[in-house]
All heavy atoms as atom14 arrays in JSON, in Angstrom:
{
  "sequence": "SDYAMGWFRQAAGKEREVVAAISSNGAMTYYAHSVEGRFTISKDN",
  "atom14_mask": [
    [1, 1, 1, 1, 1, 1, 0, 0, 0, 0, 0, 0, 0, 0],
    [1, 1, 1, 1, 1, 1, 1, 1, 0, 0, 0, 0, 0, 0],
    [1, 1, 1, 1, 1, 1, 1, 1, 1, 1, 1, 1, 0, 0],
    [1, 1, 1, 1, 1, 0, 0, 0, 0, 0, 0, 0, 0, 0],
    [1, 1, 1, 1, 1, 1, 1, 1, 0, 0, 0, 0, 0, 0],
    [1, 1, 1, 1, 0, 0, 0, 0, 0, 0, 0, 0, 0, 0],
    [1, 1, 1, 1, 1, 1, 1, 1, 1, 1, 1, 1, 1, 1],
    [1, 1, 1, 1, 1, 1, 1, 1, 1, 1, 1, 0, 0, 0],
    [1, 1, 1, 1, 1, 1, 1, 1, 1, 1, 1, 0, 0, 0],
    [1, 1, 1, 1, 1, 1, 1, 1, 1, 0, 0, 0, 0, 0],
    [1, 1, 1, 1, 1, 0, 0, 0, 0, 0, 0, 0, 0, 0],
    [1, 1, 1, 1, 1, 0, 0, 0, 0, 0, 0, 0, 0, 0],
    [1, 1, 1, 1, 0, 0, 0, 0, 0, 0, 0, 0, 0, 0],
    [1, 1, 1, 1, 1, 1, 1, 1, 1, 0, 0, 0, 0, 0],
    [1, 1, 1, 1, 1, 1, 1, 1, 1, 0, 0, 0, 0, 0],
    [1, 1, 1, 1, 1, 1, 1, 1, 1, 1, 1, 0, 0, 0],
    [1, 1, 1, 1, 1, 1, 1, 1, 1, 0, 0, 0, 0, 0],
    [1, 1, 1, 1, 1, 1, 1, 0, 0, 0, 0, 0, 0, 0],
    [1, 1, 1, 1, 1, 1, 1, 0, 0, 0, 0, 0, 0, 0],
    [1, 1, 1, 1, 1, 0, 0, 0, 0, 0, 0, 0, 0, 0],
    [1, 1, 1, 1, 1, 0, 0, 0, 0, 0, 0, 0, 0, 0],
    [1, 1, 1, 1, 1, 1, 1, 1, 0, 0, 0, 0, 0, 0],
    [1, 1, 1, 1, 1, 1, 0, 0, 0, 0, 0, 0, 0, 0],
    [1, 1, 1, 1, 1, 1, 0, 0, 0, 0, 0, 0, 0, 0],
    [1, 1, 1, 1, 1, 1, 1, 1, 0, 0, 0, 0, 0, 0],
    [1, 1, 1, 1, 0, 0, 0, 0, 0, 0, 0, 0, 0, 0],
    [1, 1, 1, 1, 1, 0, 0, 0, 0, 0, 0, 0, 0, 0],
    [1, 1, 1, 1, 1, 1, 1, 1, 0, 0, 0, 0, 0, 0],
    [1, 1, 1, 1, 1, 1, 1, 0, 0, 0, 0, 0, 0, 0],
    [1, 1, 1, 1, 1, 1, 1, 1, 1, 1, 1, 1, 0, 0],
    [1, 1, 1, 1, 1, 1, 1, 1, 1, 1, 1, 1, 0, 0],
    [1, 1, 1, 1, 1, 0, 0, 0, 0, 0, 0, 0, 0, 0],
    [1, 1, 1, 1, 1, 1, 1, 1, 1, 1, 0, 0, 0, 0],
    [1, 1, 1, 1, 1, 1, 0, 0, 0, 0, 0, 0, 0, 0],
    [1, 1, 1, 1, 1, 1, 1, 0, 0, 0, 0, 0, 0, 0],
    [1, 1, 1, 1, 1, 1, 1, 1, 1, 0, 0, 0, 0, 0],
    [1, 1, 1, 1, 0, 0, 0, 0, 0, 0, 0, 0, 0, 0],
    [1, 1, 1, 1, 1, 1, 1, 1, 1, 1, 1, 0, 0, 0],
    [1, 1, 1, 1, 1, 1, 1, 1, 1, 1, 1, 0, 0, 0],
    [1, 1, 1, 1, 1, 1, 1, 0, 0, 0, 0, 0, 0, 0],
    [1, 1, 1, 1, 1, 1, 1, 1, 0, 0, 0, 0, 0, 0],
    [1, 1, 1, 1, 1, 1, 0, 0, 0, 0, 0, 0, 0, 0],
    [1, 1, 1, 1, 1, 1, 1, 1, 1, 0, 0, 0, 0, 0],
    [1, 1, 1, 1, 1, 1, 1, 1, 0, 0, 0, 0, 0, 0],
    [1, 1, 1, 1, 1, 1, 1, 1, 0, 0, 0, 0, 0, 0]
  ],
  "atom14_positions": [
    [[0.66, -43.41, -71.62], [1.89, -43.69, -70.89], [1.85, -45.04, -70.17], [2.89, -45.62, -69.88], [2.18, -42.59, -69.88], [1.15, -42.52, -68.9], [0.0, 0.0, 0.0], [0.0, 0.0, 0.0], [0.0, 0.0, 0.0], [0.0, 0.0, 0.0], [0.0, 0.0, 0.0], [0.0, 0.0, 0.0], [0.0, 0.0, 0.0], [0.0, 0.0, 0.0]],
    [[0.67, -45.57, -69.92], [0.54, -46.85, -69.22], [0.61, -48.05, -70.15], [0.68, -49.19, -69.69], [-0.8, -46.91, -68.48], [-0.88, -45.91, -67.35], [0.19, -45.51, -66.84], [-2.0, -45.52, -66.99], [0.0, 0.0, 0.0], [0.0, 0.0, 0.0], [0.0, 0.0, 0.0], [0.0, 0.0, 0.0], [0.0, 0.0, 0.0], [0.0, 0.0, 0.0]],
    [[0.61, -47.81, -71.47], [0.44, -48.9, -72.42], [1.65, -49.12, -73.31], [2.36, -48.19, -73.68], [-0.77, -48.61, -73.32], [-2.08, -48.7, -72.58], [-2.58, -47.62, -71.86], [-2.8, -49.89, -72.56], [-3.77, -47.72, -71.15], [-4.0, -49.99, -71.87], [-4.47, -48.89, -71.17], [-5.64, -48.99, -70.48], [0.0, 0.0, 0.0], [0.0, 0.0, 0.0]],
    [[1.87, -50.39, -73.65], [2.76, -50.73, -74.75], [1.98, -50.47, -76.03], [0.78, -50.76, -76.11], [3.19, -52.18, -74.66], [0.0, 0.0, 0.0], [0.0, 0.0, 0.0], [0.0, 0.0, 0.0], [0.0, 0.0, 0.0], [0.0, 0.0, 0.0], [0.0, 0.0, 0.0], [0.0, 0.0, 0.0], [0.0, 0.0, 0.0], [0.0, 0.0, 0.0]],
    [[2.67, -49.93, -77.04], [1.99, -49.51, -78.26], [2.63, -50.14, -79.48], [3.81, -50.51, -79.47], [2.09, -47.98, -78.4], [1.57, -47.18, -77.23], [-0.2, -47.35, -77.0], [-0.81, -46.6, -78.52], [0.0, 0.0, 0.0], [0.0, 0.0, 0.0], [0.0, 0.0, 0.0], [0.0, 0.0, 0.0], [0.0, 0.0, 0.0], [0.0, 0.0, 0.0]],
    [[1.84, -50.24, -80.53], [2.36, -50.77, -81.78], [1.73, -50.08, -82.97], [0.62, -49.53, -82.87], [0.0, 0.0, 0.0], [0.0, 0.0, 0.0], [0.0, 0.0, 0.0], [0.0, 0.0, 0.0], [0.0, 0.0, 0.0], [0.0, 0.0, 0.0], [0.0, 0.0, 0.0], [0.0, 0.0, 0.0], [0.0, 0.0, 0.0], [0.0, 0.0, 0.0]],
    [[2.45, -50.08, -84.05], [1.92, -49.64, -85.35], [1.88, -50.86, -86.27], [2.87, -51.6, -86.35], [2.8, -48.56, -85.98], [2.6, -47.19, -85.41], [3.38, -46.58, -84.48], [1.56, -46.27, -85.74], [2.89, -45.33, -84.21], [1.77, -45.1, -84.97], [0.48, -46.3, -86.62], [0.94, -43.98, -85.05], [-0.35, -45.19, -86.7], [-0.12, -44.05, -85.92]],
    [[0.76, -51.04, -86.9], [0.57, -52.13, -87.85], [0.09, -51.53, -89.17], [-0.36, -50.38, -89.21], [-0.47, -53.12, -87.32], [0.0, -53.9, -86.13], [0.06, -53.32, -84.87], [0.4, -55.22, -86.27], [0.51, -54.04, -83.76], [0.86, -55.95, -85.18], [0.9, -55.36, -83.93], [0.0, 0.0, 0.0], [0.0, 0.0, 0.0], [0.0, 0.0, 0.0]],
    [[0.16, -52.32, -90.22], [-0.37, -51.86, -91.49], [-1.0, -53.04, -92.24], [-0.63, -54.19, -92.02], [0.71, -51.2, -92.35], [1.8, -52.13, -92.85], [2.88, -51.33, -93.55], [3.95, -52.19, -94.06], [5.08, -51.73, -94.59], [5.29, -50.43, -94.68], [5.99, -52.58, -95.04], [0.0, 0.0, 0.0], [0.0, 0.0, 0.0], [0.0, 0.0, 0.0]],
    [[-1.94, -52.68, -93.09], [-2.6, -53.7, -93.89], [-2.79, -53.17, -95.3], [-3.53, -52.19, -95.51], [-3.95, -54.1, -93.28], [-4.6, -55.28, -93.98], [-5.72, -55.89, -93.17], [-6.25, -55.29, -92.24], [-6.09, -57.12, -93.5], [0.0, 0.0, 0.0], [0.0, 0.0, 0.0], [0.0, 0.0, 0.0], [0.0, 0.0, 0.0], [0.0, 0.0, 0.0]],
    [[-2.11, -53.78, -96.23], [-2.25, -53.43, -97.64], [-3.42, -54.2, -98.23], [-3.85, -55.23, -97.69], [-0.96, -53.75, -98.38], [0.0, 0.0, 0.0], [0.0, 0.0, 0.0], [0.0, 0.0, 0.0], [0.0, 0.0, 0.0], [0.0, 0.0, 0.0], [0.0, 0.0, 0.0], [0.0, 0.0, 0.0], [0.0, 0.0, 0.0], [0.0, 0.0, 0.0]],
    [[-3.93, -53.7, -99.32], [-5.09, -54.34, -99.96], [-4.76, -55.78, -100.31], [-3.74, -56.07, -100.92], [-5.48, -53.56, -101.21], [0.0, 0.0, 0.0], [0.0, 0.0, 0.0], [0.0, 0.0, 0.0], [0.0, 0.0, 0.0], [0.0, 0.0, 0.0], [0.0, 0.0, 0.0], [0.0, 0.0, 0.0], [0.0, 0.0, 0.0], [0.0, 0.0, 0.0]],
    [[-5.62, -56.69, -99.88], [-5.44, -58.1, -100.19], [-4.39, -58.82, -99.38], [-4.09, -59.99, -99.65], [0.0, 0.0, 0.0], [0.0, 0.0, 0.0], [0.0, 0.0, 0.0], [0.0, 0.0, 0.0], [0.0, 0.0, 0.0], [0.0, 0.0, 0.0], [0.0, 0.0, 0.0], [0.0, 0.0, 0.0], [0.0, 0.0, 0.0], [0.0, 0.0, 0.0]],
    [[-3.85, -58.14, -98.39], [-2.8, -58.76, -97.56], [-3.22, -58.77, -96.1], [-4.13, -58.06, -95.68], [-1.48, -58.01, -97.73], [-0.91, -58.1, -99.14], [0.47, -57.46, -99.19], [1.08, -57.6, -100.57], [2.44, -57.01, -100.64], [0.0, 0.0, 0.0], [0.0, 0.0, 0.0], [0.0, 0.0, 0.0], [0.0, 0.0, 0.0], [0.0, 0.0, 0.0]],
    [[-2.52, -59.57, -95.31], [-2.79, -59.64, -93.89], [-2.16, -58.44, -93.17], [-1.2, -57.85, -93.65], [-2.22, -60.95, -93.32], [-2.92, -62.19, -93.81], [-2.43, -63.43, -93.09], [-1.48, -63.34, -92.29], [-3.0, -64.5, -93.34], [0.0, 0.0, 0.0], [0.0, 0.0, 0.0], [0.0, 0.0, 0.0], [0.0, 0.0, 0.0], [0.0, 0.0, 0.0]],
    [[-2.73, -58.14, -92.02], [-2.18, -57.08, -91.19], [-0.8, -57.51, -90.69], [-0.62, -58.65, -90.24], [-3.11, -56.77, -90.02], [-2.75, -55.53, -89.25], [-3.85, -55.16, -88.28], [-5.11, -54.86, -88.97], [-6.16, -54.31, -88.37], [-6.11, -54.0, -87.08], [-7.27, -54.08, -89.05], [0.0, 0.0, 0.0], [0.0, 0.0, 0.0], [0.0, 0.0, 0.0]],
    [[0.16, -56.58, -90.74], [1.5, -56.9, -90.32], [2.04, -55.82, -89.39], [1.66, -54.65, -89.48], [2.45, -57.03, -91.53], [2.61, -55.77, -92.34], [3.6, -55.93, -93.49], [4.12, -57.03, -93.7], [3.84, -54.91, -94.18], [0.0, 0.0, 0.0], [0.0, 0.0, 0.0], [0.0, 0.0, 0.0], [0.0, 0.0, 0.0], [0.0, 0.0, 0.0]],
    [[2.93, -56.24, -88.51], [3.54, -55.28, -87.59], [4.51, -54.39, -88.35], [5.2, -54.83, -89.27], [4.25, -56.01, -86.42], [5.43, -56.82, -86.93], [4.68, -55.03, -85.36], [0.0, 0.0, 0.0], [0.0, 0.0, 0.0], [0.0, 0.0, 0.0], [0.0, 0.0, 0.0], [0.0, 0.0, 0.0], [0.0, 0.0, 0.0], [0.0, 0.0, 0.0]],
    [[4.54, -53.13, -87.98], [5.5, -52.17, -88.51], [6.54, -51.86, -87.45], [7.75, -51.96, -87.68], [4.81, -50.88, -88.96], [5.85, -49.85, -89.41], [3.83, -51.16, -90.09], [0.0, 0.0, 0.0], [0.0, 0.0, 0.0], [0.0, 0.0, 0.0], [0.0, 0.0, 0.0], [0.0, 0.0, 0.0], [0.0, 0.0, 0.0], [0.0, 0.0, 0.0]],
    [[6.07, -51.49, -86.26], [6.97, -51.13, -85.16], [6.2, -51.25, -83.86], [4.97, -51.18, -83.82], [7.5, -49.71, -85.34], [0.0, 0.0, 0.0], [0.0, 0.0, 0.0], [0.0, 0.0, 0.0], [0.0, 0.0, 0.0], [0.0, 0.0, 0.0], [0.0, 0.0, 0.0], [0.0, 0.0, 0.0], [0.0, 0.0, 0.0], [0.0, 0.0, 0.0]],
    [[6.95, -51.43, -82.78], [6.34, -51.53, -81.45], [7.24, -50.85, -80.44], [8.46, -50.72, -80.66], [6.12, -52.99, -81.08], [0.0, 0.0, 0.0], [0.0, 0.0, 0.0], [0.0, 0.0, 0.0], [0.0, 0.0, 0.0], [0.0, 0.0, 0.0], [0.0, 0.0, 0.0], [0.0, 0.0, 0.0], [0.0, 0.0, 0.0], [0.0, 0.0, 0.0]],
    [[6.64, -50.42, -79.34], [7.4, -49.71, -78.31], [6.86, -50.07, -76.94], [5.66, -50.27, -76.75], [7.35, -48.19, -78.57], [8.35, -47.43, -77.7], [5.94, -47.65, -78.41], [8.57, -45.99, -78.15], [0.0, 0.0, 0.0], [0.0, 0.0, 0.0], [0.0, 0.0, 0.0], [0.0, 0.0, 0.0], [0.0, 0.0, 0.0], [0.0, 0.0, 0.0]],
    [[7.77, -50.16, -75.98], [7.36, -50.48, -74.61], [6.68, -49.27, -73.97], [6.77, -48.15, -74.48], [8.59, -50.88, -73.79], [9.54, -49.82, -73.77], [0.0, 0.0, 0.0], [0.0, 0.0, 0.0], [0.0, 0.0, 0.0], [0.0, 0.0, 0.0], [0.0, 0.0, 0.0], [0.0, 0.0, 0.0], [0.0, 0.0, 0.0], [0.0, 0.0, 0.0]],
    [[6.04, -49.49, -72.85], [5.29, -48.41, -72.22], [6.19, -47.26, -71.76], [5.79, -46.1, -71.8], [4.46, -48.92, -71.05], [5.3, -49.46, -70.05], [0.0, 0.0, 0.0], [0.0, 0.0, 0.0], [0.0, 0.0, 0.0], [0.0, 0.0, 0.0], [0.0, 0.0, 0.0], [0.0, 0.0, 0.0], [0.0, 0.0, 0.0], [0.0, 0.0, 0.0]],
    [[7.42, -47.59, -71.36], [8.32, -46.5, -70.94], [9.11, -45.92, -72.09], [9.9, -45.0, -71.91], [9.26, -46.98, -69.83], [10.26, -48.01, -70.3], [10.28, -48.4, -71.47], [11.08, -48.47, -69.39], [0.0, 0.0, 0.0], [0.0, 0.0, 0.0], [0.0, 0.0, 0.0], [0.0, 0.0, 0.0], [0.0, 0.0, 0.0], [0.0, 0.0, 0.0]],
    [[8.9, -46.45, -73.29], [9.55, -45.91, -74.48], [10.99, -46.35, -74.68], [11.61, -45.97, -75.67], [0.0, 0.0, 0.0], [0.0, 0.0, 0.0], [0.0, 0.0, 0.0], [0.0, 0.0, 0.0], [0.0, 0.0, 0.0], [0.0, 0.0, 0.0], [0.0, 0.0, 0.0], [0.0, 0.0, 0.0], [0.0, 0.0, 0.0], [0.0, 0.0, 0.0]],
    [[11.51, -47.17, -73.78], [12.93, -47.53, -73.83], [13.23, -48.63, -74.83], [14.35, -48.73, -75.34], [13.42, -47.94, -72.45], [0.0, 0.0, 0.0], [0.0, 0.0, 0.0], [0.0, 0.0, 0.0], [0.0, 0.0, 0.0], [0.0, 0.0, 0.0], [0.0, 0.0, 0.0], [0.0, 0.0, 0.0], [0.0, 0.0, 0.0], [0.0, 0.0, 0.0]],
    [[12.27, -49.49, -75.09], [12.48, -50.64, -75.95], [11.63, -50.52, -77.2], [10.44, -50.18, -77.11], [12.13, -51.93, -75.22], [12.88, -52.12, -73.91], [14.66, -52.19, -74.14], [14.81, -53.77, -74.97], [0.0, 0.0, 0.0], [0.0, 0.0, 0.0], [0.0, 0.0, 0.0], [0.0, 0.0, 0.0], [0.0, 0.0, 0.0], [0.0, 0.0, 0.0]],
    [[12.24, -50.78, -78.35], [11.51, -50.7, -79.61], [11.79, -51.91, -80.48], [12.8, -52.61, -80.31], [11.89, -49.43, -80.41], [13.31, -49.43, -80.63], [11.49, -48.17, -79.67], [0.0, 0.0, 0.0], [0.0, 0.0, 0.0], [0.0, 0.0, 0.0], [0.0, 0.0, 0.0], [0.0, 0.0, 0.0], [0.0, 0.0, 0.0], [0.0, 0.0, 0.0]],
    [[10.88, -52.14, -81.41], [10.99, -53.24, -82.37], [10.56, -52.71, -83.74], [9.62, -51.91, -83.83], [10.07, -54.38, -81.95], [9.9, -55.44, -83.03], [10.79, -56.49, -83.14], [8.85, -55.35, -83.94], [10.64, -57.44, -84.13], [8.7, -56.29, -84.94], [9.6, -57.33, -85.03], [9.44, -58.27, -86.02], [0.0, 0.0, 0.0], [0.0, 0.0, 0.0]],
    [[11.25, -53.15, -84.77], [10.9, -52.76, -86.13], [10.85, -53.98, -87.04], [11.69, -54.88, -86.92], [11.93, -51.78, -86.7], [11.96, -50.46, -85.97], [12.86, -50.23, -84.95], [11.06, -49.45, -86.3], [12.88, -49.02, -84.26], [11.05, -48.25, -85.62], [11.97, -48.04, -84.6], [11.97, -46.85, -83.92], [0.0, 0.0, 0.0], [0.0, 0.0, 0.0]],
    [[9.89, -53.98, -87.93], [9.88, -54.99, -88.98], [11.1, -54.77, -89.87], [11.55, -53.62, -90.06], [8.61, -54.88, -89.8], [0.0, 0.0, 0.0], [0.0, 0.0, 0.0], [0.0, 0.0, 0.0], [0.0, 0.0, 0.0], [0.0, 0.0, 0.0], [0.0, 0.0, 0.0], [0.0, 0.0, 0.0], [0.0, 0.0, 0.0], [0.0, 0.0, 0.0]],
    [[11.63, -55.86, -90.4], [12.84, -55.75, -91.22], [12.63, -54.81, -92.39], [13.55, -54.07, -92.79], [13.23, -57.15, -91.72], [14.45, -57.15, -92.57], [15.72, -56.91, -92.06], [14.61, -57.34, -93.9], [16.59, -56.98, -93.06], [15.95, -57.23, -94.18], [0.0, 0.0, 0.0], [0.0, 0.0, 0.0], [0.0, 0.0, 0.0], [0.0, 0.0, 0.0]],
    [[11.42, -54.79, -92.94], [11.16, -54.01, -94.13], [11.21, -52.5, -93.88], [11.33, -51.72, -94.83], [9.79, -54.38, -94.71], [8.77, -54.14, -93.76], [0.0, 0.0, 0.0], [0.0, 0.0, 0.0], [0.0, 0.0, 0.0], [0.0, 0.0, 0.0], [0.0, 0.0, 0.0], [0.0, 0.0, 0.0], [0.0, 0.0, 0.0], [0.0, 0.0, 0.0]],
    [[11.11, -52.07, -92.62], [11.1, -50.64, -92.33], [12.28, -50.19, -91.48], [12.47, -48.98, -91.26], [9.78, -50.22, -91.63], [8.58, -50.7, -92.43], [9.71, -50.72, -90.2], [0.0, 0.0, 0.0], [0.0, 0.0, 0.0], [0.0, 0.0, 0.0], [0.0, 0.0, 0.0], [0.0, 0.0, 0.0], [0.0, 0.0, 0.0], [0.0, 0.0, 0.0]],
    [[13.06, -51.14, -91.01], [14.18, -50.79, -90.13], [15.14, -49.84, -90.84], [15.51, -50.06, -92.0], [14.91, -52.06, -89.69], [15.77, -51.87, -88.47], [16.13, -53.2, -87.81], [15.94, -54.25, -88.46], [16.59, -53.18, -86.67], [0.0, 0.0, 0.0], [0.0, 0.0, 0.0], [0.0, 0.0, 0.0], [0.0, 0.0, 0.0], [0.0, 0.0, 0.0]],
    [[15.51, -48.78, -90.13], [16.39, -47.78, -90.72], [15.66, -46.66, -91.43], [16.25, -45.62, -91.74], [0.0, 0.0, 0.0], [0.0, 0.0, 0.0], [0.0, 0.0, 0.0], [0.0, 0.0, 0.0], [0.0, 0.0, 0.0], [0.0, 0.0, 0.0], [0.0, 0.0, 0.0], [0.0, 0.0, 0.0], [0.0, 0.0, 0.0], [0.0, 0.0, 0.0]],
    [[14.36, -46.86, -91.72], [13.57, -45.82, -92.4], [12.48, -45.25, -91.48], [12.14, -44.08, -91.58], [12.9, -46.39, -93.65], [13.86, -46.92, -94.69], [13.13, -47.29, -95.97], [12.15, -48.36, -95.76], [10.86, -48.26, -96.08], [10.37, -47.15, -96.6], [10.04, -49.29, -95.88], [0.0, 0.0, 0.0], [0.0, 0.0, 0.0], [0.0, 0.0, 0.0]],
    [[11.93, -46.08, -90.62], [10.83, -45.67, -89.74], [11.34, -45.57, -88.31], [12.21, -46.33, -87.89], [9.69, -46.68, -89.78], [8.92, -46.73, -91.08], [9.36, -46.09, -92.23], [7.73, -47.45, -91.14], [8.65, -46.15, -93.41], [7.0, -47.52, -92.31], [7.47, -46.87, -93.45], [0.0, 0.0, 0.0], [0.0, 0.0, 0.0], [0.0, 0.0, 0.0]],
    [[10.75, -44.66, -87.56], [11.08, -44.51, -86.15], [9.8, -44.37, -85.35], [8.97, -43.5, -85.64], [11.96, -43.28, -85.91], [13.16, -43.39, -86.68], [12.34, -43.17, -84.43], [0.0, 0.0, 0.0], [0.0, 0.0, 0.0], [0.0, 0.0, 0.0], [0.0, 0.0, 0.0], [0.0, 0.0, 0.0], [0.0, 0.0, 0.0], [0.0, 0.0, 0.0]],
    [[9.66, -45.22, -84.34], [8.52, -45.13, -83.43], [8.98, -44.41, -82.16], [10.09, -44.63, -81.68], [7.94, -46.52, -83.1], [6.64, -46.38, -82.3], [8.95, -47.4, -82.39], [5.89, -47.72, -82.13], [0.0, 0.0, 0.0], [0.0, 0.0, 0.0], [0.0, 0.0, 0.0], [0.0, 0.0, 0.0], [0.0, 0.0, 0.0], [0.0, 0.0, 0.0]],
    [[8.13, -43.54, -81.66], [8.47, -42.84, -80.42], [7.2, -42.59, -79.63], [6.09, -42.6, -80.17], [9.19, -41.53, -80.71], [8.38, -40.67, -81.49], [0.0, 0.0, 0.0], [0.0, 0.0, 0.0], [0.0, 0.0, 0.0], [0.0, 0.0, 0.0], [0.0, 0.0, 0.0], [0.0, 0.0, 0.0], [0.0, 0.0, 0.0], [0.0, 0.0, 0.0]],
    [[7.4, -42.34, -78.36], [6.27, -42.18, -77.45], [6.45, -40.88, -76.7], [7.5, -40.65, -76.11], [6.26, -43.37, -76.48], [4.94, -43.83, -75.94], [5.13, -45.2, -75.34], [3.82, -45.72, -74.77], [3.65, -45.36, -73.37], [0.0, 0.0, 0.0], [0.0, 0.0, 0.0], [0.0, 0.0, 0.0], [0.0, 0.0, 0.0], [0.0, 0.0, 0.0]],
    [[5.46, -40.04, -76.74], [5.49, -38.8, -75.98], [4.43, -38.93, -74.89], [3.27, -38.61, -75.1], [5.21, -37.6, -76.88], [5.42, -36.28, -76.16], [5.32, -36.25, -74.91], [5.67, -35.28, -76.84], [0.0, 0.0, 0.0], [0.0, 0.0, 0.0], [0.0, 0.0, 0.0], [0.0, 0.0, 0.0], [0.0, 0.0, 0.0], [0.0, 0.0, 0.0]],
    [[4.86, -39.44, -73.74], [3.89, -39.68, -72.68], [3.29, -38.37, -72.16], [2.15, -38.34, -71.7], [4.53, -40.47, -71.55], [4.77, -41.92, -71.94], [4.11, -42.46, -72.82], [5.74, -42.56, -71.29], [0.0, 0.0, 0.0], [0.0, 0.0, 0.0], [0.0, 0.0, 0.0], [0.0, 0.0, 0.0], [0.0, 0.0, 0.0], [0.0, 0.0, 0.0]]
  ]
}
């Protein structure tokens, strides 16, 4: 609950990339364009 969190992914032979991120209070989120509308990040403090 005290931390901002993120999900990243790394495919074989590729660099690590951001998937989604969320603020510590869960109110603000960010999504990579490639996953927007398909993925949802949430925080259960």
